[in-house]
Amino acid sequence: MEKISLSQEQNGFGLLVKIYPSSIENKITGSIEGRIKIRIKKPASKGKANKELINYLSKLFNLPKKTYIFKKVIRLH
């Protein structure tokens, strides 16, 4: 796995992720271009995938859902 980009933020750290919505399961599958690749079950519609990502990360890292903030969302079509 290649290096993952982390940045120090005011109240924590920033993490770059690449999301693959509408997947079979929620799962980290590796990295690409310094981003963590995460498969998410929910579709990328009306924020469903983003909400599912927050649920998944909060369980994975045992941190409250309010801990996660999206600073920038880029849609790739």
N, C-alpha and C. Protein backbone atom coordinates (compact mmCIF):
# COMPACT_ATOMS: atom_id res chain seq x y z
N MET A 1 0.84 -1.18 0.00
CA MET A 1 0.00 0.00 0.00
C MET A 1 0.89 1.24 0.00
N GLU A 2 0.52 2.22 -0.79
CA GLU A 2 1.29 3.45 -0.86
C GLU A 2 1.01 4.33 0.36
N LYS A 3 1.78 5.40 0.51
CA LYS A 3 1.60 6.33 1.62
C LYS A 3 0.27 7.05 1.50
N ILE A 4 -0.34 7.30 2.65
CA ILE A 4 -1.61 8.00 2.73
C ILE A 4 -1.35 9.43 3.16
N SER A 5 -2.00 10.39 2.53
CA SER A 5 -1.83 11.80 2.87
C SER A 5 -2.68 12.17 4.07
N LEU A 6 -2.04 12.69 5.11
CA LEU A 6 -2.72 13.22 6.28
C LEU A 6 -2.30 14.67 6.43
N SER A 7 -3.20 15.50 6.89
CA SER A 7 -2.84 16.89 7.16
C SER A 7 -3.33 17.26 8.55
N GLN A 8 -2.55 18.06 9.24
CA GLN A 8 -2.96 18.50 10.56
C GLN A 8 -3.97 19.63 10.41
N GLU A 9 -5.07 19.52 11.13
CA GLU A 9 -6.13 20.51 11.09
C GLU A 9 -6.24 21.15 12.48
N GLN A 10 -7.08 22.16 12.59
CA GLN A 10 -7.23 22.89 13.83
C GLN A 10 -7.66 21.97 14.99
N ASN A 11 -8.62 21.10 14.73
CA ASN A 11 -9.15 20.24 15.79
C ASN A 11 -8.93 18.75 15.53
N GLY A 12 -7.91 18.41 14.78
CA GLY A 12 -7.68 17.00 14.48
C GLY A 12 -6.79 16.85 13.27
N PHE A 13 -7.21 15.97 12.36
CA PHE A 13 -6.42 15.75 11.17
C PHE A 13 -7.32 15.57 9.96
N GLY A 14 -6.75 15.80 8.79
CA GLY A 14 -7.47 15.62 7.54
C GLY A 14 -7.00 14.36 6.85
N LEU A 15 -7.92 13.68 6.25
CA LEU A 15 -7.65 12.42 5.57
C LEU A 15 -8.32 12.46 4.20
N LEU A 16 -7.58 12.11 3.17
CA LEU A 16 -8.15 12.06 1.82
C LEU A 16 -8.68 10.66 1.56
N VAL A 17 -9.89 10.60 1.07
CA VAL A 17 -10.50 9.30 0.75
C VAL A 17 -11.10 9.32 -0.65
N LYS A 18 -11.16 8.18 -1.26
CA LYS A 18 -11.86 7.99 -2.54
C LYS A 18 -12.94 6.96 -2.26
N ILE A 19 -14.17 7.37 -2.50
CA ILE A 19 -15.33 6.54 -2.16
C ILE A 19 -15.87 5.85 -3.41
N TYR A 20 -16.20 4.59 -3.24
CA TYR A 20 -16.85 3.80 -4.29
C TYR A 20 -18.24 3.42 -3.77
N PRO A 21 -19.26 4.26 -4.09
CA PRO A 21 -20.62 3.99 -3.59
C PRO A 21 -21.26 2.80 -4.29
N SER A 22 -22.39 2.39 -3.74
CA SER A 22 -23.19 1.27 -4.27
C SER A 22 -22.38 -0.02 -4.34
N SER A 23 -21.55 -0.25 -3.33
CA SER A 23 -20.73 -1.47 -3.26
C SER A 23 -21.47 -2.54 -2.47
N ILE A 24 -20.95 -3.73 -2.50
CA ILE A 24 -21.57 -4.86 -1.80
C ILE A 24 -21.46 -4.71 -0.28
N GLU A 25 -20.32 -4.15 0.19
CA GLU A 25 -20.11 -3.99 1.62
C GLU A 25 -19.29 -2.73 1.89
N ASN A 26 -19.33 -2.27 3.14
CA ASN A 26 -18.47 -1.17 3.57
C ASN A 26 -17.11 -1.77 3.90
N LYS A 27 -16.07 -1.25 3.24
CA LYS A 27 -14.76 -1.87 3.41
C LYS A 27 -13.67 -0.95 2.87
N ILE A 28 -12.55 -0.89 3.60
CA ILE A 28 -11.36 -0.21 3.08
C ILE A 28 -10.64 -1.21 2.19
N THR A 29 -10.34 -0.79 0.95
CA THR A 29 -9.79 -1.74 -0.01
C THR A 29 -8.37 -1.41 -0.48
N GLY A 30 -7.76 -0.38 0.09
CA GLY A 30 -6.40 -0.04 -0.32
C GLY A 30 -6.22 1.45 -0.40
N SER A 31 -5.34 1.87 -1.30
CA SER A 31 -5.09 3.30 -1.49
C SER A 31 -4.80 3.58 -2.95
N ILE A 32 -5.01 4.83 -3.31
CA ILE A 32 -4.74 5.30 -4.67
C ILE A 32 -4.44 6.79 -4.60
N GLU A 33 -3.33 7.19 -5.18
CA GLU A 33 -2.92 8.59 -5.24
C GLU A 33 -2.96 9.27 -3.88
N GLY A 34 -2.51 8.58 -2.83
CA GLY A 34 -2.46 9.15 -1.49
C GLY A 34 -3.79 9.15 -0.76
N ARG A 35 -4.81 8.57 -1.35
CA ARG A 35 -6.14 8.51 -0.74
C ARG A 35 -6.46 7.08 -0.32
N ILE A 36 -7.22 6.96 0.75
CA ILE A 36 -7.71 5.65 1.17
C ILE A 36 -8.93 5.31 0.31
N LYS A 37 -8.94 4.12 -0.27
CA LYS A 37 -10.08 3.65 -1.06
C LYS A 37 -11.07 2.97 -0.12
N ILE A 38 -12.31 3.49 -0.12
CA ILE A 38 -13.34 2.93 0.75
C ILE A 38 -14.57 2.61 -0.07
N ARG A 39 -15.01 1.38 0.02
CA ARG A 39 -16.24 0.96 -0.63
C ARG A 39 -17.38 1.16 0.36
N ILE A 40 -18.47 1.76 -0.13
CA ILE A 40 -19.63 2.07 0.70
C ILE A 40 -20.88 1.48 0.05
N LYS A 41 -21.73 0.86 0.87
CA LYS A 41 -22.93 0.19 0.35
C LYS A 41 -23.96 1.15 -0.23
N LYS A 42 -24.13 2.29 0.35
CA LYS A 42 -25.19 3.21 -0.07
C LYS A 42 -24.83 3.90 -1.39
N PRO A 43 -25.85 4.30 -2.15
CA PRO A 43 -25.61 4.99 -3.42
C PRO A 43 -25.20 6.46 -3.19
N ALA A 44 -24.58 7.04 -4.18
CA ALA A 44 -24.18 8.45 -4.13
C ALA A 44 -25.36 9.31 -4.55
N SER A 45 -26.37 9.33 -3.74
CA SER A 45 -27.60 10.06 -4.05
C SER A 45 -28.12 10.69 -2.78
N LYS A 46 -28.34 12.01 -2.82
CA LYS A 46 -28.91 12.76 -1.69
C LYS A 46 -28.10 12.58 -0.41
N GLY A 47 -26.78 12.44 -0.53
CA GLY A 47 -25.91 12.35 0.64
C GLY A 47 -25.90 11.01 1.35
N LYS A 48 -26.55 10.00 0.76
CA LYS A 48 -26.63 8.69 1.41
C LYS A 48 -25.25 8.06 1.61
N ALA A 49 -24.40 8.13 0.60
CA ALA A 49 -23.06 7.54 0.71
C ALA A 49 -22.23 8.29 1.76
N ASN A 50 -22.36 9.61 1.82
CA ASN A 50 -21.63 10.39 2.82
C ASN A 50 -22.04 10.01 4.23
N LYS A 51 -23.35 9.87 4.45
CA LYS A 51 -23.85 9.47 5.78
C LYS A 51 -23.35 8.07 6.14
N GLU A 52 -23.38 7.18 5.18
CA GLU A 52 -22.91 5.81 5.42
C GLU A 52 -21.41 5.80 5.71
N LEU A 53 -20.66 6.66 5.01
CA LEU A 53 -19.22 6.77 5.26
C LEU A 53 -18.96 7.21 6.70
N ILE A 54 -19.70 8.21 7.17
CA ILE A 54 -19.54 8.68 8.55
C ILE A 54 -19.89 7.57 9.53
N ASN A 55 -20.97 6.84 9.30
CA ASN A 55 -21.33 5.71 10.17
C ASN A 55 -20.22 4.66 10.20
N TYR A 56 -19.70 4.34 9.03
CA TYR A 56 -18.65 3.32 8.92
C TYR A 56 -17.38 3.77 9.66
N LEU A 57 -16.94 4.99 9.41
CA LEU A 57 -15.71 5.48 10.05
C LEU A 57 -15.87 5.62 11.56
N SER A 58 -17.06 6.04 12.01
CA SER A 58 -17.26 6.19 13.45
C SER A 58 -17.18 4.84 14.16
N LYS A 59 -17.68 3.79 13.53
CA LYS A 59 -17.57 2.45 14.11
C LYS A 59 -16.14 1.93 14.02
N LEU A 60 -15.50 2.16 12.89
CA LEU A 60 -14.14 1.68 12.67
C LEU A 60 -13.14 2.29 13.65
N PHE A 61 -13.22 3.61 13.83
CA PHE A 61 -12.27 4.31 14.69
C PHE A 61 -12.81 4.57 16.10
N ASN A 62 -14.03 4.14 16.37
CA ASN A 62 -14.67 4.31 17.68
C ASN A 62 -14.67 5.79 18.10
N LEU A 63 -15.08 6.66 17.17
CA LEU A 63 -15.19 8.09 17.42
C LEU A 63 -16.61 8.53 17.09
N PRO A 64 -17.12 9.55 17.80
CA PRO A 64 -18.50 10.01 17.53
C PRO A 64 -18.67 10.51 16.10
N LYS A 65 -19.87 10.38 15.60
CA LYS A 65 -20.18 10.81 14.23
C LYS A 65 -19.90 12.29 14.03
N LYS A 66 -20.09 13.10 15.05
CA LYS A 66 -19.86 14.55 14.93
C LYS A 66 -18.38 14.88 14.74
N THR A 67 -17.52 13.90 14.91
CA THR A 67 -16.08 14.08 14.73
C THR A 67 -15.71 14.32 13.27
N TYR A 68 -16.51 13.81 12.35
CA TYR A 68 -16.18 13.82 10.94
C TYR A 68 -16.80 15.01 10.22
N ILE A 69 -15.98 15.71 9.46
CA ILE A 69 -16.42 16.87 8.70
C ILE A 69 -15.92 16.73 7.27
N PHE A 70 -16.81 16.94 6.32
CA PHE A 70 -16.39 16.95 4.91
C PHE A 70 -15.97 18.36 4.56
N LYS A 71 -14.70 18.52 4.21
CA LYS A 71 -14.23 19.84 3.82
C LYS A 71 -14.44 20.09 2.34
N LYS A 72 -14.33 19.03 1.56
CA LYS A 72 -14.46 19.19 0.12
C LYS A 72 -14.92 17.85 -0.48
N VAL A 73 -15.94 17.93 -1.29
CA VAL A 73 -16.43 16.74 -1.97
C VAL A 73 -16.29 16.98 -3.47
N ILE A 74 -15.62 16.07 -4.12
CA ILE A 74 -15.44 16.17 -5.58
C ILE A 74 -16.16 14.99 -6.22
N ARG A 75 -17.05 15.28 -7.10
CA ARG A 75 -17.77 14.22 -7.81
C ARG A 75 -17.06 13.91 -9.10
N LEU A 76 -16.77 12.66 -9.30
CA LEU A 76 -16.12 12.21 -10.54
C LEU A 76 -17.15 11.44 -11.34
N HIS A 77 -17.37 11.84 -12.55
CA HIS A 77 -18.36 11.15 -13.41
C HIS A 77 -17.68 10.50 -14.57
